[in-house]
Structure formats: C-alpha cells, structure tokens
C-alpha cells in the first residue's frame, strides 16, 4: 500500500533492487510482495524501462506452479508493454514468447486469458518494431491452441 503513495521516478533506484532480491527469494510471500510492488510501479510508464531490467527474473516466475504468482507476473509484463517507446523490451521478447506458449493451456483460466492477451500485445509490439519473422513463428502455437479449443 505504501508504494501507491511513492513517486516511482524518485524512488525506483532504491526500491527496484529490494524488489529484485525478493523476486528471487525462496520465500513465496516475499516473491508475492515483490510482484505486488512491481504491479503498482509498472502502472507508471516512467518505470517501464527500469522494470525491464528485471525481465529475466520475471520470466523465471512464469514457470512457477502458483497460478496467482504467474498471473501477477503477466500483469507486470502487460503494464510494461503499455509504454510504446520501450526499446529495452525487444531483447526479452523472444524468451517471453516461448514462455507464454505453455501458459495457453494452463489450468487457471485467468492465467490463460492474461497470457493470450499479453501474447497479442507483444506480437503487436514486435510487428511495430519490424520483427515480423518472430511474430509469424510465434503465432503457430497460438493457432494450434485455438484450433484445439
């Protein structure tokens, strides 16, 4: 709740290292709190670039068995993608596309919907960046998922 009152531009250099450490914690509650903090901070477009520096840690959480944790992670990525001038995201995009495909069949319907939504927005982002080959390759798993439904 405290993060709601902080200006991300002023405190991100102090808050992000703490959140980063807690994302990698073995304690599920610490990871959950770190993700909640990132959800709050990621709403601020000025934080998108800084949050991209945590992409590797966030990508690891997409493989977690806790659906709520995965949904929170997907929400952070969705918020970050709202910044249309985000160049730092381009390097994480191929890994994110790979990580999203298994989530289309997740048992948690909320995770399924968020992953498909994120996938769509990411494909639009990549198409605008001129990475059409990656877009085309990434659409194949989604096509098969939709066909199976």
N, C-alpha and C. Protein backbone atom coordinates (compact mmCIF):
# COMPACT_ATOMS: atom_id res chain seq x y z
N UNK A 1 0.82 -1.19 0.00
CA UNK A 1 0.00 0.00 0.00
C UNK A 1 0.86 1.25 0.00
N UNK A 2 2.01 1.16 0.61
CA UNK A 2 2.90 2.30 0.68
C UNK A 2 3.36 2.73 -0.72
N UNK A 3 3.56 1.77 -1.61
CA UNK A 3 4.03 2.08 -2.95
C UNK A 3 3.03 2.93 -3.73
N UNK A 4 1.76 2.85 -3.37
CA UNK A 4 0.75 3.68 -4.04
C UNK A 4 1.02 5.16 -3.85
N UNK A 5 1.71 5.51 -2.78
CA UNK A 5 1.94 6.92 -2.46
C UNK A 5 3.33 7.42 -2.86
N UNK A 6 4.16 6.53 -3.36
CA UNK A 6 5.51 6.92 -3.75
C UNK A 6 5.55 7.31 -5.22
N UNK A 7 6.41 8.24 -5.54
CA UNK A 7 6.65 8.61 -6.92
C UNK A 7 7.75 7.69 -7.45
N UNK A 8 7.38 6.84 -8.40
CA UNK A 8 8.32 5.86 -8.93
C UNK A 8 9.58 6.48 -9.51
N UNK A 9 9.46 7.65 -10.10
CA UNK A 9 10.62 8.29 -10.71
C UNK A 9 11.66 8.69 -9.67
N UNK A 10 11.20 8.98 -8.46
CA UNK A 10 12.12 9.44 -7.42
C UNK A 10 12.73 8.29 -6.62
N UNK A 11 12.01 7.19 -6.51
CA UNK A 11 12.47 6.14 -5.59
C UNK A 11 12.87 4.85 -6.29
N UNK A 12 12.77 4.78 -7.62
CA UNK A 12 13.00 3.50 -8.28
C UNK A 12 14.41 2.96 -8.07
N UNK A 13 15.39 3.83 -7.93
CA UNK A 13 16.76 3.34 -7.75
C UNK A 13 16.97 2.71 -6.37
N UNK A 14 16.08 2.98 -5.43
CA UNK A 14 16.17 2.35 -4.11
C UNK A 14 15.21 1.17 -3.98
N UNK A 15 14.07 1.26 -4.63
CA UNK A 15 13.04 0.23 -4.47
C UNK A 15 13.30 -0.99 -5.36
N UNK A 16 13.71 -0.76 -6.60
CA UNK A 16 13.88 -1.89 -7.53
C UNK A 16 14.91 -2.92 -7.06
N UNK A 17 16.05 -2.52 -6.51
CA UNK A 17 16.97 -3.56 -6.01
C UNK A 17 16.36 -4.43 -4.91
N UNK A 18 15.56 -3.82 -4.07
CA UNK A 18 14.90 -4.57 -3.00
C UNK A 18 13.89 -5.55 -3.60
N UNK A 19 13.10 -5.06 -4.56
CA UNK A 19 12.12 -5.93 -5.21
C UNK A 19 12.82 -7.05 -5.98
N UNK A 20 13.92 -6.72 -6.62
CA UNK A 20 14.67 -7.73 -7.38
C UNK A 20 15.16 -8.86 -6.46
N UNK A 21 15.71 -8.50 -5.32
CA UNK A 21 16.18 -9.51 -4.36
C UNK A 21 15.02 -10.40 -3.91
N UNK A 22 13.89 -9.78 -3.65
CA UNK A 22 12.75 -10.54 -3.14
C UNK A 22 12.07 -11.38 -4.22
N UNK A 23 12.22 -11.00 -5.47
CA UNK A 23 11.70 -11.83 -6.57
C UNK A 23 12.42 -13.17 -6.61
N UNK A 24 13.67 -13.16 -6.23
CA UNK A 24 14.49 -14.37 -6.28
C UNK A 24 14.51 -15.13 -4.95
N UNK A 25 13.76 -14.64 -4.00
CA UNK A 25 13.72 -15.27 -2.68
C UNK A 25 13.05 -16.64 -2.75
N UNK A 26 13.44 -17.52 -1.85
CA UNK A 26 12.79 -18.82 -1.74
C UNK A 26 11.45 -18.72 -1.00
N UNK A 27 11.26 -17.62 -0.32
CA UNK A 27 10.03 -17.41 0.45
C UNK A 27 8.90 -16.95 -0.49
N UNK A 28 7.84 -17.73 -0.60
CA UNK A 28 6.74 -17.37 -1.51
C UNK A 28 6.09 -16.03 -1.17
N UNK A 29 6.01 -15.70 0.11
CA UNK A 29 5.40 -14.43 0.50
C UNK A 29 6.23 -13.24 0.05
N UNK A 30 7.55 -13.38 0.11
CA UNK A 30 8.42 -12.30 -0.36
C UNK A 30 8.28 -12.10 -1.86
N UNK A 31 8.23 -13.21 -2.59
CA UNK A 31 8.06 -13.10 -4.05
C UNK A 31 6.73 -12.44 -4.37
N UNK A 32 5.69 -12.83 -3.65
CA UNK A 32 4.36 -12.27 -3.88
C UNK A 32 4.35 -10.76 -3.58
N UNK A 33 4.98 -10.36 -2.49
CA UNK A 33 5.04 -8.94 -2.15
C UNK A 33 5.86 -8.15 -3.18
N UNK A 34 6.95 -8.75 -3.64
CA UNK A 34 7.76 -8.08 -4.66
C UNK A 34 6.96 -7.91 -5.94
N UNK A 35 6.22 -8.94 -6.32
CA UNK A 35 5.39 -8.83 -7.53
C UNK A 35 4.29 -7.79 -7.35
N UNK A 36 3.72 -7.76 -6.18
CA UNK A 36 2.68 -6.75 -5.92
C UNK A 36 3.27 -5.34 -6.04
N UNK A 37 4.47 -5.16 -5.52
CA UNK A 37 5.15 -3.88 -5.66
C UNK A 37 5.41 -3.54 -7.12
N UNK A 38 5.84 -4.53 -7.89
CA UNK A 38 6.09 -4.30 -9.31
C UNK A 38 4.80 -4.00 -10.06
N UNK A 39 3.71 -4.63 -9.66
CA UNK A 39 2.42 -4.32 -10.29
C UNK A 39 2.07 -2.85 -10.09
N UNK A 40 2.27 -2.37 -8.89
CA UNK A 40 1.96 -0.97 -8.59
C UNK A 40 2.89 -0.05 -9.37
N UNK A 41 4.18 -0.34 -9.35
CA UNK A 41 5.14 0.52 -10.03
C UNK A 41 5.01 0.46 -11.55
N UNK A 42 4.62 -0.69 -12.07
CA UNK A 42 4.56 -0.84 -13.53
C UNK A 42 3.43 -0.06 -14.17
N UNK A 43 2.50 0.42 -13.38
CA UNK A 43 1.42 1.25 -13.91
C UNK A 43 1.97 2.61 -14.37
N UNK A 44 3.07 3.03 -13.76
CA UNK A 44 3.72 4.30 -14.12
C UNK A 44 4.60 4.07 -15.35
N UNK A 45 4.27 4.69 -16.49
CA UNK A 45 5.05 4.46 -17.71
C UNK A 45 6.54 4.80 -17.56
N UNK A 46 6.87 5.70 -16.67
CA UNK A 46 8.28 6.05 -16.49
C UNK A 46 9.08 4.92 -15.85
N UNK A 47 8.40 3.93 -15.30
CA UNK A 47 9.07 2.81 -14.65
C UNK A 47 9.33 1.64 -15.60
N UNK A 48 8.74 1.68 -16.78
CA UNK A 48 8.81 0.54 -17.70
C UNK A 48 10.25 0.13 -18.01
N UNK A 49 11.08 1.09 -18.33
CA UNK A 49 12.47 0.79 -18.68
C UNK A 49 13.20 0.11 -17.52
N UNK A 50 13.00 0.62 -16.33
CA UNK A 50 13.67 0.05 -15.15
C UNK A 50 13.17 -1.36 -14.86
N UNK A 51 11.89 -1.57 -15.01
CA UNK A 51 11.32 -2.90 -14.74
C UNK A 51 11.82 -3.92 -15.76
N UNK A 52 12.10 -3.47 -16.97
CA UNK A 52 12.65 -4.37 -17.99
C UNK A 52 13.97 -4.98 -17.56
N UNK A 53 14.68 -4.30 -16.69
CA UNK A 53 15.94 -4.85 -16.20
C UNK A 53 15.71 -6.11 -15.36
N UNK A 54 14.48 -6.31 -14.92
CA UNK A 54 14.13 -7.49 -14.12
C UNK A 54 13.49 -8.59 -14.97
N UNK A 55 13.54 -8.43 -16.28
CA UNK A 55 12.84 -9.36 -17.17
C UNK A 55 13.24 -10.82 -16.95
N UNK A 56 14.52 -11.09 -16.75
CA UNK A 56 14.96 -12.48 -16.56
C UNK A 56 14.32 -13.10 -15.32
N UNK A 57 14.31 -12.36 -14.23
CA UNK A 57 13.69 -12.87 -13.00
C UNK A 57 12.19 -13.07 -13.19
N UNK A 58 11.56 -12.15 -13.90
CA UNK A 58 10.13 -12.27 -14.14
C UNK A 58 9.83 -13.46 -15.05
N UNK A 59 10.67 -13.68 -16.05
CA UNK A 59 10.47 -14.81 -16.95
C UNK A 59 10.53 -16.14 -16.18
N UNK A 60 11.42 -16.23 -15.22
CA UNK A 60 11.52 -17.45 -14.41
C UNK A 60 10.22 -17.72 -13.65
N UNK A 61 9.58 -16.66 -13.20
CA UNK A 61 8.34 -16.82 -12.43
C UNK A 61 7.18 -17.32 -13.29
N UNK A 62 7.28 -17.17 -14.60
CA UNK A 62 6.21 -17.66 -15.48
C UNK A 62 6.14 -19.19 -15.48
N UNK A 63 7.19 -19.84 -15.01
CA UNK A 63 7.22 -21.30 -14.95
C UNK A 63 6.77 -21.82 -13.58
N UNK A 64 6.39 -20.92 -12.71
CA UNK A 64 6.02 -21.30 -11.34
C UNK A 64 4.67 -22.02 -11.35
N UNK A 65 4.48 -22.90 -10.38
CA UNK A 65 3.23 -23.68 -10.30
C UNK A 65 2.07 -22.89 -9.70
N UNK A 66 2.36 -21.81 -8.99
CA UNK A 66 1.33 -20.99 -8.36
C UNK A 66 0.70 -20.08 -9.40
N UNK A 67 -0.56 -20.34 -9.74
CA UNK A 67 -1.25 -19.58 -10.76
C UNK A 67 -1.38 -18.10 -10.44
N UNK A 68 -1.56 -17.78 -9.17
CA UNK A 68 -1.68 -16.38 -8.78
C UNK A 68 -0.37 -15.63 -9.01
N UNK A 69 0.73 -16.27 -8.70
CA UNK A 69 2.05 -15.68 -8.92
C UNK A 69 2.30 -15.46 -10.41
N UNK A 70 1.92 -16.42 -11.21
CA UNK A 70 2.08 -16.31 -12.67
C UNK A 70 1.19 -15.18 -13.20
N UNK A 71 -0.04 -15.09 -12.71
CA UNK A 71 -0.95 -14.03 -13.15
C UNK A 71 -0.41 -12.65 -12.80
N UNK A 72 0.16 -12.53 -11.62
CA UNK A 72 0.75 -11.24 -11.22
C UNK A 72 1.92 -10.88 -12.13
N UNK A 73 2.72 -11.87 -12.47
CA UNK A 73 3.86 -11.64 -13.36
C UNK A 73 3.38 -11.21 -14.74
N UNK A 74 2.35 -11.87 -15.24
CA UNK A 74 1.79 -11.49 -16.54
C UNK A 74 1.26 -10.06 -16.51
N UNK A 75 0.66 -9.68 -15.40
CA UNK A 75 0.14 -8.31 -15.26
C UNK A 75 1.26 -7.28 -15.31
N UNK A 76 2.38 -7.61 -14.69
CA UNK A 76 3.53 -6.69 -14.73
C UNK A 76 3.99 -6.52 -16.18
N UNK A 77 4.13 -7.63 -16.90
CA UNK A 77 4.55 -7.54 -18.30
C UNK A 77 3.54 -6.73 -19.13
N UNK A 78 2.26 -6.95 -18.89
CA UNK A 78 1.24 -6.20 -19.63
C UNK A 78 1.36 -4.70 -19.36
N UNK A 79 1.57 -4.34 -18.13
CA UNK A 79 1.72 -2.92 -17.79
C UNK A 79 2.96 -2.33 -18.44
N UNK A 80 4.04 -3.08 -18.45
CA UNK A 80 5.29 -2.59 -19.05
C UNK A 80 5.12 -2.38 -20.55
N UNK A 81 4.37 -3.26 -21.19
CA UNK A 81 4.18 -3.15 -22.63
C UNK A 81 3.34 -1.95 -23.05
N UNK A 82 2.70 -1.31 -22.12
CA UNK A 82 1.91 -0.12 -22.45
C UNK A 82 2.78 1.04 -22.90
N UNK A 83 4.05 1.00 -22.51
CA UNK A 83 4.99 2.04 -22.93
C UNK A 83 5.43 1.72 -24.36
N UNK A 84 4.91 2.46 -25.31
CA UNK A 84 5.14 2.15 -26.72
C UNK A 84 6.56 2.44 -27.18
N UNK A 85 7.30 3.23 -26.46
CA UNK A 85 8.67 3.57 -26.87
C UNK A 85 9.70 2.69 -26.17
N UNK A 86 9.32 1.53 -25.81
CA UNK A 86 10.17 0.67 -24.98
C UNK A 86 11.11 -0.17 -25.84
N UNK A 87 12.34 0.25 -25.94
CA UNK A 87 13.34 -0.49 -26.71
C UNK A 87 13.95 -1.63 -25.89
N UNK A 88 14.02 -1.46 -24.59
CA UNK A 88 14.65 -2.46 -23.73
C UNK A 88 13.90 -3.79 -23.74
N UNK A 89 12.63 -3.75 -24.08
CA UNK A 89 11.82 -4.96 -24.06
C UNK A 89 12.12 -5.88 -25.24
N UNK A 90 12.65 -5.34 -26.31
CA UNK A 90 12.89 -6.12 -27.52
C UNK A 90 13.78 -7.33 -27.27
N UNK A 91 14.76 -7.20 -26.39
CA UNK A 91 15.66 -8.32 -26.15
C UNK A 91 14.99 -9.45 -25.36
N UNK A 92 14.01 -9.13 -24.54
CA UNK A 92 13.32 -10.15 -23.75
C UNK A 92 12.15 -10.77 -24.50
N UNK A 93 11.72 -10.14 -25.57
CA UNK A 93 10.51 -10.58 -26.27
C UNK A 93 10.57 -12.03 -26.78
N UNK A 94 11.65 -12.48 -27.41
CA UNK A 94 11.66 -13.88 -27.87
C UNK A 94 11.52 -14.89 -26.73
N UNK A 95 12.18 -14.63 -25.63
CA UNK A 95 12.08 -15.54 -24.48
C UNK A 95 10.67 -15.50 -23.89
N UNK A 96 10.08 -14.32 -23.88
CA UNK A 96 8.73 -14.20 -23.36
C UNK A 96 7.74 -14.95 -24.25
N UNK A 97 7.92 -14.86 -25.55
CA UNK A 97 7.03 -15.58 -26.48
C UNK A 97 7.10 -17.08 -26.20
N UNK A 98 8.30 -17.59 -25.98
CA UNK A 98 8.46 -19.02 -25.67
C UNK A 98 7.79 -19.38 -24.35
N UNK A 99 7.96 -18.52 -23.36
CA UNK A 99 7.41 -18.81 -22.03
C UNK A 99 5.89 -18.72 -22.01
N UNK A 100 5.31 -17.94 -22.89
CA UNK A 100 3.86 -17.77 -22.89
C UNK A 100 3.13 -18.97 -23.49
N UNK A 101 3.71 -19.61 -24.47
CA UNK A 101 3.01 -20.69 -25.17
C UNK A 101 2.47 -21.78 -24.24
N UNK A 102 3.25 -22.29 -23.28
CA UNK A 102 2.70 -23.31 -22.38
C UNK A 102 1.57 -22.78 -21.49
N UNK A 103 1.53 -21.48 -21.29
CA UNK A 103 0.50 -20.90 -20.41
C UNK A 103 -0.87 -20.86 -21.08
N UNK A 104 -0.91 -21.02 -22.39
CA UNK A 104 -2.20 -21.04 -23.09
C UNK A 104 -3.06 -22.21 -22.60
N UNK A 105 -2.41 -23.27 -22.14
CA UNK A 105 -3.12 -24.46 -21.67
C UNK A 105 -3.10 -24.59 -20.15
N UNK A 106 -2.80 -23.52 -19.46
CA UNK A 106 -2.73 -23.55 -18.00
C UNK A 106 -4.09 -23.91 -17.41
N UNK A 107 -4.08 -24.58 -16.27
CA UNK A 107 -5.32 -24.96 -15.59
C UNK A 107 -6.11 -23.75 -15.11
N UNK A 108 -5.41 -22.67 -14.83
CA UNK A 108 -6.03 -21.45 -14.33
C UNK A 108 -6.51 -20.62 -15.53
N UNK A 109 -7.81 -20.43 -15.65
CA UNK A 109 -8.36 -19.71 -16.81
C UNK A 109 -7.91 -18.24 -16.84
N UNK A 110 -7.68 -17.66 -15.67
CA UNK A 110 -7.20 -16.28 -15.61
C UNK A 110 -5.79 -16.18 -16.22
N UNK A 111 -4.96 -17.15 -15.90
CA UNK A 111 -3.60 -17.20 -16.47
C UNK A 111 -3.69 -17.39 -17.98
N UNK A 112 -4.59 -18.25 -18.44
CA UNK A 112 -4.76 -18.45 -19.88
C UNK A 112 -5.11 -17.14 -20.58
N UNK A 113 -6.10 -16.45 -20.04
CA UNK A 113 -6.55 -15.20 -20.66
C UNK A 113 -5.46 -14.13 -20.65
N UNK A 114 -4.79 -13.99 -19.51
CA UNK A 114 -3.71 -13.00 -19.43
C UNK A 114 -2.57 -13.33 -20.38
N UNK A 115 -2.23 -14.61 -20.49
CA UNK A 115 -1.12 -14.99 -21.36
C UNK A 115 -1.47 -14.75 -22.83
N UNK A 116 -2.70 -15.03 -23.22
CA UNK A 116 -3.10 -14.78 -24.60
C UNK A 116 -3.16 -13.28 -24.88
N UNK A 117 -3.65 -12.52 -23.92
CA UNK A 117 -3.69 -11.06 -24.08
C UNK A 117 -2.28 -10.48 -24.19
N UNK A 118 -1.39 -10.94 -23.31
CA UNK A 118 -0.01 -10.47 -23.36
C UNK A 118 0.65 -10.88 -24.67
N UNK A 119 0.38 -12.09 -25.10
CA UNK A 119 0.94 -12.57 -26.36
C UNK A 119 0.50 -11.67 -27.51
N UNK A 120 -0.79 -11.33 -27.55
CA UNK A 120 -1.31 -10.46 -28.61
C UNK A 120 -0.62 -9.10 -28.58
N UNK A 121 -0.53 -8.51 -27.40
CA UNK A 121 0.09 -7.19 -27.30
C UNK A 121 1.57 -7.24 -27.64
N UNK A 122 2.21 -8.33 -27.26
CA UNK A 122 3.63 -8.47 -27.57
C UNK A 122 3.83 -8.62 -29.08
N UNK A 123 2.95 -9.36 -29.74
CA UNK A 123 3.06 -9.52 -31.18
C UNK A 123 2.85 -8.18 -31.90
N UNK A 124 1.92 -7.38 -31.40
CA UNK A 124 1.72 -6.05 -31.98
C UNK A 124 2.96 -5.19 -31.79
N UNK A 125 3.55 -5.27 -30.61
CA UNK A 125 4.77 -4.52 -30.31
C UNK A 125 5.90 -4.95 -31.26
N UNK A 126 6.07 -6.25 -31.42
CA UNK A 126 7.15 -6.76 -32.28
C UNK A 126 6.91 -6.41 -33.74
N UNK A 127 5.66 -6.44 -34.17
CA UNK A 127 5.35 -6.08 -35.55
C UNK A 127 5.72 -4.62 -35.81
N UNK A 128 5.44 -3.77 -34.83
CA UNK A 128 5.80 -2.35 -34.96
C UNK A 128 7.31 -2.16 -34.97
N UNK A 129 8.01 -3.05 -34.28
CA UNK A 129 9.47 -2.96 -34.22
C UNK A 129 10.13 -3.58 -35.46
N UNK A 130 9.32 -4.14 -36.35
CA UNK A 130 9.86 -4.72 -37.57
C UNK A 130 10.36 -6.14 -37.42
N UNK A 131 9.94 -6.84 -36.40
CA UNK A 131 10.38 -8.22 -36.17
C UNK A 131 9.29 -9.19 -36.62
N UNK A 132 8.90 -9.09 -37.88
CA UNK A 132 7.79 -9.88 -38.40
C UNK A 132 8.06 -11.38 -38.41
N UNK A 133 9.31 -11.78 -38.61
CA UNK A 133 9.63 -13.21 -38.63
C UNK A 133 9.32 -13.84 -37.28
N UNK A 134 9.73 -13.17 -36.22
CA UNK A 134 9.45 -13.67 -34.87
C UNK A 134 7.95 -13.73 -34.63
N UNK A 135 7.23 -12.73 -35.12
CA UNK A 135 5.78 -12.71 -34.96
C UNK A 135 5.16 -13.92 -35.64
N UNK A 136 5.57 -14.17 -36.87
CA UNK A 136 5.00 -15.30 -37.61
C UNK A 136 5.31 -16.63 -36.94
N UNK A 137 6.54 -16.80 -36.47
CA UNK A 137 6.92 -18.05 -35.81
C UNK A 137 6.15 -18.24 -34.50
N UNK A 138 5.89 -17.16 -33.82
CA UNK A 138 5.23 -17.24 -32.53
C UNK A 138 3.73 -17.48 -32.65
N UNK A 139 3.16 -17.19 -33.78
CA UNK A 139 1.73 -17.36 -33.95
C UNK A 139 1.32 -18.82 -34.13
N UNK A 140 2.24 -19.66 -34.54
CA UNK A 140 1.92 -21.07 -34.79
C UNK A 140 1.38 -21.76 -33.53
N UNK A 141 2.05 -21.65 -32.36
CA UNK A 141 1.49 -22.31 -31.17
C UNK A 141 0.12 -21.78 -30.78
N UNK A 142 -0.09 -20.49 -30.95
CA UNK A 142 -1.40 -19.92 -30.62
C UNK A 142 -2.46 -20.44 -31.58
N UNK A 143 -2.11 -20.57 -32.84
CA UNK A 143 -3.04 -21.12 -33.82
C UNK A 143 -3.48 -22.53 -33.41
N UNK A 144 -2.51 -23.37 -33.04
CA UNK A 144 -2.85 -24.74 -32.65
C UNK A 144 -3.68 -24.77 -31.37
N UNK A 145 -3.38 -23.87 -30.46
CA UNK A 145 -4.17 -23.80 -29.23
C UNK A 145 -5.63 -23.45 -29.55
N UNK A 146 -5.82 -22.44 -30.37
CA UNK A 146 -7.17 -22.01 -30.73
C UNK A 146 -7.90 -23.09 -31.52
N UNK A 147 -7.17 -23.79 -32.35
CA UNK A 147 -7.76 -24.86 -33.16
C UNK A 147 -8.24 -26.01 -32.27
N UNK A 148 -7.47 -26.30 -31.22
CA UNK A 148 -7.84 -27.38 -30.30
C UNK A 148 -9.06 -27.03 -29.47
N UNK A 149 -9.25 -25.75 -29.21
CA UNK A 149 -10.39 -25.32 -28.41
C UNK A 149 -11.64 -25.52 -29.22
